[in-house]
Protein backbone atom coordinates (compact mmCIF):
# COMPACT_ATOMS: atom_id res chain seq x y z
CA MET A 1 0.00 0.00 0.00
CA THR A 2 1.27 3.46 -0.88
CA ASP A 3 0.61 6.81 0.77
CA ILE A 4 -1.98 7.38 -1.96
CA ASP A 5 -4.14 4.67 -0.33
CA ARG A 6 -4.16 6.15 3.14
CA ASP A 7 -4.76 9.50 4.76
CA PRO A 8 -1.69 11.72 4.26
CA GLN A 9 0.25 12.76 7.33
CA THR A 10 1.42 16.26 7.89
CA ALA A 11 5.04 16.94 8.67
CA ASP A 12 4.06 17.64 12.29
CA GLU A 13 2.33 14.25 12.63
CA LYS A 14 5.33 12.43 11.22
CA ALA A 15 7.56 14.21 13.70
CA GLY A 16 5.42 13.08 16.60
CA GLY A 17 3.62 16.36 17.00
CA ALA A 18 6.75 18.54 17.20
CA THR A 19 6.47 22.09 15.94
CA PRO A 20 9.14 24.57 14.82
CA PHE A 21 8.40 26.60 17.97
CA ARG A 22 8.76 23.85 20.59
CA GLY A 23 11.37 24.68 23.21
CA MET A 24 11.35 28.43 22.62
CA GLY A 25 10.88 30.45 25.83
CA GLU A 26 12.09 27.66 28.12
CA THR A 27 15.57 28.96 29.07
CA ALA A 28 16.06 30.20 32.65
CA SER A 29 17.98 33.26 31.48
CA MET A 30 15.08 34.74 29.50
CA ASP A 31 14.03 38.29 30.39
CA PRO A 32 10.75 38.12 32.42
CA ALA A 33 9.24 40.74 30.12
CA GLN A 34 9.91 38.47 27.18
CA ALA A 35 8.49 35.47 29.03
CA GLN A 36 5.19 37.29 29.49
CA ALA A 37 4.97 38.41 25.88
CA PRO A 38 2.35 36.55 23.82
CA GLU A 39 3.81 33.82 21.64
CA VAL A 40 3.96 34.73 17.98
CA THR A 41 2.99 31.82 15.77
CA GLU A 42 3.48 31.52 12.07
CA THR A 43 1.13 29.61 9.81
CA VAL A 44 3.14 27.14 7.75
CA ARG A 45 1.73 26.63 4.27
CA GLU A 46 1.27 22.93 3.63
CA VAL A 47 2.15 21.92 0.07
CA ILE A 48 -0.24 19.44 -1.47
CA PHE A 49 1.21 19.37 -5.03
CA ASP A 50 4.87 20.06 -5.80
CA VAL A 51 5.35 20.15 -9.58
CA LYS A 52 8.95 19.87 -10.74
CA GLU A 53 10.08 20.35 -14.35
CA LEU A 54 6.91 18.77 -15.73
CA GLN A 55 6.87 18.00 -19.45
CA VAL A 56 3.98 16.38 -21.32
CA THR A 57 4.19 15.21 -24.92
CA TYR A 58 1.16 13.75 -26.68
CA PRO A 59 1.50 10.84 -29.13
CA ASN A 60 2.71 11.83 -32.62
CA ALA A 61 3.39 15.40 -31.45
CA SER A 62 6.64 17.00 -32.57
CA ALA A 63 6.86 19.25 -29.49
CA PRO A 64 5.74 19.02 -25.85
CA ALA A 65 2.32 20.37 -24.96
CA VAL A 66 3.81 21.82 -21.77
CA ASP A 67 7.44 22.07 -20.70
CA LYS A 68 9.46 23.10 -17.63
CA ILE A 69 6.42 23.54 -15.38
CA SER A 70 7.45 24.02 -11.75
CA PHE A 71 5.39 25.43 -8.86
CA GLU A 72 3.75 24.38 -5.59
CA MET A 73 0.05 24.28 -4.73
CA GLY A 74 -1.08 24.57 -1.12
CA LYS A 75 -3.62 22.72 0.97
CA ASN A 76 -7.01 24.42 1.44
CA GLU A 77 -6.18 26.92 -1.28
CA ILE A 78 -7.80 27.68 -4.62
CA THR A 79 -5.13 27.73 -7.31
CA ALA A 80 -6.12 29.29 -10.65
CA LEU A 81 -4.43 28.37 -13.93
CA ILE A 82 -4.82 31.21 -16.43
CA GLY A 83 -3.47 32.00 -19.88
CA PRO A 84 -4.44 32.11 -23.56
CA SER A 85 -6.09 29.19 -25.34
CA GLY A 86 -3.76 26.34 -26.21
CA CYS A 87 -1.15 27.12 -23.55
CA GLY A 88 -1.49 23.77 -21.75
CA LYS A 89 -3.63 24.65 -18.73
CA SER A 90 -5.97 21.68 -19.13
CA THR A 91 -3.04 19.39 -19.92
CA MET A 92 -1.42 20.45 -16.67
CA LEU A 93 -4.68 19.94 -14.77
CA ARG A 94 -5.16 16.42 -16.13
CA CYS A 95 -1.67 15.49 -15.00
CA LEU A 96 -2.69 16.07 -11.39
CA ASN A 97 -4.98 13.02 -11.36
CA ARG A 98 -3.29 11.11 -14.19
CA MET A 99 -6.12 11.47 -16.67
CA ASN A 100 -3.55 11.89 -19.43
CA ASP A 101 -2.74 8.22 -18.86
CA LEU A 102 -5.97 7.48 -20.72
CA ILE A 103 -4.40 8.85 -23.93
CA VAL A 104 -2.20 5.97 -25.04
CA GLY A 105 1.32 7.06 -25.90
CA THR A 106 1.35 10.25 -23.82
CA ASN A 107 4.78 10.81 -22.28
CA VAL A 108 5.02 12.58 -18.91
CA THR A 109 8.42 13.45 -17.45
CA GLY A 110 9.51 15.45 -14.43
CA GLN A 111 7.74 14.98 -11.11
CA ILE A 112 4.44 15.73 -9.44
CA LEU A 113 4.66 15.10 -5.71
CA TYR A 114 1.33 14.70 -3.93
CA HIS A 115 1.82 14.99 -0.17
CA GLY A 116 5.46 14.22 -0.91
CA GLU A 117 4.83 11.06 -2.95
CA ASP A 118 5.51 10.83 -6.68
CA LEU A 119 2.12 10.51 -8.41
CA TYR A 120 3.80 8.74 -11.31
CA GLY A 121 5.83 6.35 -9.16
CA PRO A 122 5.88 2.67 -10.17
CA ASN A 123 3.84 1.52 -7.16
CA VAL A 124 1.10 4.15 -7.43
CA ASP A 125 -2.29 2.99 -8.69
CA ALA A 126 -3.81 5.60 -11.03
CA VAL A 127 -7.33 4.49 -10.04
CA GLN A 128 -6.57 5.23 -6.40
CA VAL A 129 -5.18 8.61 -7.45
CA ARG A 130 -8.48 9.51 -9.13
CA LYS A 131 -10.43 8.51 -6.02
CA ARG A 132 -8.43 11.01 -3.98
CA ILE A 133 -8.24 13.70 -6.66
CA GLY A 134 -11.64 14.29 -8.26
CA MET A 135 -12.42 16.28 -11.39
CA VAL A 136 -15.26 18.49 -12.62
CA PHE A 137 -15.32 19.16 -16.35
CA GLN A 138 -16.13 22.19 -18.48
CA LYS A 139 -19.48 20.87 -19.62
CA PRO A 140 -21.82 19.34 -17.04
CA ASN A 141 -21.90 15.59 -17.56
CA PRO A 142 -24.54 14.03 -15.31
CA PHE A 143 -25.24 10.34 -15.77
CA PRO A 144 -28.55 9.41 -17.48
CA LYS A 145 -29.94 8.45 -14.10
CA SER A 146 -31.94 10.02 -11.30
CA ILE A 147 -30.47 12.79 -9.17
CA TYR A 148 -30.16 10.31 -6.29
CA GLU A 149 -28.42 7.66 -8.39
CA ASN A 150 -25.96 10.20 -9.79
CA ILE A 151 -24.68 10.81 -6.28
CA ALA A 152 -24.93 7.21 -5.06
CA PHE A 153 -23.10 5.73 -8.06
CA GLY A 154 -19.54 6.54 -6.94
CA PRO A 155 -19.91 5.49 -3.28
CA ARG A 156 -21.43 2.19 -4.37
CA ILE A 157 -18.63 1.51 -6.85
CA ILE A 158 -15.90 2.03 -4.26
CA GLY A 159 -17.82 0.23 -1.53
CA MET A 160 -18.28 3.14 0.86
CA GLU A 161 -19.84 2.16 4.16
CA GLY A 162 -22.68 4.03 5.79
CA ASP A 163 -26.28 4.96 5.13
CA MET A 164 -26.59 5.78 1.44
CA ASP A 165 -29.45 8.23 1.97
CA GLN A 166 -27.25 10.18 4.35
CA ILE A 167 -24.28 10.07 1.97
CA VAL A 168 -26.46 11.44 -0.84
CA GLU A 169 -27.97 14.17 1.32
CA THR A 170 -24.57 15.25 2.68
CA ALA A 171 -23.07 15.46 -0.81
CA LEU A 172 -26.02 17.47 -2.14
CA ARG A 173 -25.84 19.82 0.84
CA ARG A 174 -22.14 20.34 0.31
CA GLY A 175 -22.86 20.97 -3.36
CA ALA A 176 -25.37 23.69 -2.37
CA LEU A 177 -28.14 21.77 -4.11
CA TRP A 178 -30.14 19.92 -1.44
CA ASP A 179 -32.84 22.53 -0.89
CA GLU A 180 -33.50 22.72 -4.63
CA VAL A 181 -33.80 18.98 -5.30
CA LYS A 182 -34.73 17.25 -2.02
CA ASP A 183 -38.33 16.74 -3.20
CA ARG A 184 -37.41 15.31 -6.61
CA LEU A 185 -34.46 13.00 -6.02
CA LYS A 186 -36.04 10.35 -8.28
CA ASP A 187 -36.25 12.75 -11.25
CA ASN A 188 -33.83 12.36 -14.14
CA ALA A 189 -30.78 14.61 -13.76
CA PHE A 190 -31.16 15.77 -17.37
CA GLY A 191 -34.23 17.73 -16.30
CA MET A 192 -32.10 20.08 -14.20
CA SER A 193 -30.83 23.46 -15.37
CA GLY A 194 -27.23 23.79 -16.57
CA GLY A 195 -26.09 25.40 -13.34
CA GLN A 196 -27.83 22.74 -11.26
CA GLN A 197 -26.26 20.00 -13.37
CA GLN A 198 -22.80 21.45 -12.75
CA ARG A 199 -23.42 21.62 -9.00
CA LEU A 200 -24.69 18.03 -9.20
CA CYS A 201 -21.39 17.03 -10.80
CA ILE A 202 -19.53 18.78 -7.99
CA ALA A 203 -21.70 17.00 -5.40
CA ARG A 204 -21.08 13.70 -7.20
CA CYS A 205 -17.36 14.35 -6.89
CA LEU A 206 -17.70 15.19 -3.18
CA ALA A 207 -19.70 12.02 -2.47
CA VAL A 208 -16.59 9.83 -2.66
CA ALA A 209 -14.72 12.02 -0.14
CA PRO A 210 -11.82 13.29 -2.28
CA ASP A 211 -8.86 15.26 -0.98
CA VAL A 212 -8.55 17.57 -4.00
CA ILE A 213 -11.05 18.88 -6.57
CA LEU A 214 -9.87 19.78 -10.07
CA MET A 215 -12.13 22.04 -12.14
CA ASP A 216 -11.66 22.61 -15.86
CA GLU A 217 -13.51 25.86 -16.71
CA PRO A 218 -16.57 24.78 -14.68
CA CYS A 219 -18.49 28.02 -15.33
CA SER A 220 -17.73 28.63 -19.00
CA ALA A 221 -21.17 27.42 -20.15
CA LEU A 222 -23.16 29.00 -17.31
CA ASP A 223 -25.07 32.24 -16.88
CA PRO A 224 -23.83 34.88 -14.37
CA ILE A 225 -26.22 33.81 -11.61
CA SER A 226 -25.18 30.14 -11.85
CA THR A 227 -21.54 31.21 -12.08
CA GLY A 228 -21.91 33.19 -8.87
CA LYS A 229 -23.36 30.15 -7.08
CA ILE A 230 -20.47 27.96 -8.24
CA GLU A 231 -17.94 30.57 -7.12
CA ASP A 232 -19.56 30.89 -3.70
CA LEU A 233 -19.53 27.11 -3.43
CA MET A 234 -15.81 26.91 -4.27
CA ILE A 235 -14.93 29.48 -1.62
CA GLU A 236 -16.92 27.48 0.93
CA LEU A 237 -15.43 24.14 -0.15
CA LYS A 238 -11.82 25.27 0.21
CA GLN A 239 -12.26 25.08 3.99
CA ASP A 240 -12.19 21.28 3.59
CA TYR A 241 -10.66 20.69 0.16
CA SER A 242 -7.86 21.93 -2.05
CA ILE A 243 -9.08 23.21 -5.42
CA VAL A 244 -7.28 23.76 -8.71
CA ILE A 245 -9.26 25.56 -11.41
CA VAL A 246 -8.60 26.36 -15.07
CA THR A 247 -10.38 29.56 -16.08
CA HIS A 248 -10.38 32.11 -18.90
CA ASN A 249 -12.35 34.52 -16.74
CA MET A 250 -9.84 36.96 -15.23
CA GLN A 251 -12.44 38.42 -12.86
CA GLN A 252 -13.27 34.95 -11.62
CA ALA A 253 -9.61 34.11 -10.95
CA ALA A 254 -9.19 37.41 -9.08
CA ARG A 255 -12.35 36.85 -7.01
CA ILE A 256 -11.90 33.29 -5.82
CA SER A 257 -8.28 32.14 -6.01
CA ASP A 258 -5.44 32.38 -3.49
CA LYS A 259 -2.63 31.61 -5.94
CA THR A 260 -2.43 32.02 -9.72
CA ALA A 261 -0.18 30.46 -12.34
CA PHE A 262 0.06 32.32 -15.65
CA PHE A 263 0.78 30.18 -18.73
CA VAL A 264 2.02 31.39 -22.12
CA VAL A 265 2.59 29.70 -25.47
CA SER A 266 5.93 29.66 -27.24
CA LEU A 267 6.46 28.66 -30.88
CA ASP A 268 9.49 26.83 -32.25
CA GLU A 269 10.91 27.21 -35.75
CA ASN A 270 8.20 24.88 -37.07
CA ASP A 271 5.39 26.78 -35.34
CA ASN A 272 4.84 23.97 -32.82
CA ARG A 273 3.14 25.28 -29.69
CA THR A 274 4.45 24.59 -26.18
CA GLY A 275 2.99 25.99 -22.98
CA THR A 276 4.99 27.05 -19.95
CA VAL A 277 4.46 29.00 -16.73
CA VAL A 278 6.07 32.44 -16.66
CA GLU A 279 4.76 33.54 -13.27
CA PHE A 280 3.25 31.95 -10.18
CA ASP A 281 2.40 34.03 -7.11
CA ASP A 282 -0.33 35.27 -4.80
CA THR A 283 -3.36 36.16 -6.89
CA GLU A 284 -3.43 39.71 -5.57
CA LYS A 285 0.14 40.27 -6.70
CA ILE A 286 -0.45 38.68 -10.09
CA PHE A 287 -3.32 41.09 -10.77
CA THR A 288 -1.94 44.25 -9.17
CA ASN A 289 1.84 44.06 -9.39
CA PRO A 290 3.00 41.21 -11.66
CA ALA A 291 6.71 40.58 -12.05
CA ASP A 292 6.58 39.72 -15.76
CA GLU A 293 5.40 42.19 -18.40
CA ARG A 294 3.62 39.40 -20.26
CA THR A 295 1.49 38.73 -17.19
CA GLU A 296 0.58 42.40 -16.94
CA ALA A 297 -0.35 42.50 -20.62
CA TYR A 298 -2.62 39.48 -20.23
CA VAL A 299 -4.45 40.44 -17.04
CA THR A 300 -5.04 43.99 -18.31
CA GLY A 301 -6.44 42.74 -21.62
CA LYS A 302 -3.60 43.96 -23.82
CA MET A 303 -2.79 40.37 -24.81
CA GLY A 304 -5.38 37.66 -25.33
């Protein structure tokens, strides 16, 4: 069994509960005034994904889709991936739960560490990875089943224990959908609005108790009201989950994300396109004081 199959431990747990501040303030020679001063604690950002020199090349391609991607994503944060079309944002996202494995012949090099373990290590089961790291797609894709069965499907497949009615209700509540559908759980999911279907897909993802939620432009096909509901839901969910979202909506990235990675496309002598990250930082800094002029041009609309 790998670390993918069990609950990850934090660095503090592995160290037996020790913290970087243990032992401070215990010397007999300390000034009494200092001893009475309130202890200053520092919140340590826990890294959930550490991407190192990632390169992805699709079968029969003459150039990588993405190259030299390196940055860290934190626990209980929303990380936005932004950039022009074709720069590799979705390719990068699919690497985080090994969905690119489903494209035969795709070559992935570099490393993606998930809680310190190499996601592409020889002993890691890709199916187990996808149980822990769920995904919500651009277009809502409910199953041709009832609302109830859409939620219950995943827990049944993986053999989750517990009362299924309670599992379904909890997932729908967490997906901000319960009050709208509690009286029609037997209705076909295709009868829901587009925004409701997308929240159903999020609830379906939550039903199997993932650790991370990946979202590939989840609001691109939705109206502003539905988009607002999804954004509010994401902000609420980050208290318990880590979220990585691909979006073309600059306002959305600025509103909801904690960190932002800006991708660009480079062309070789044969006009082959390769995406790479030119800047990764706090979202506020990316949108107000970016370090790279290309980032500034993109977020201000000078480059599309």
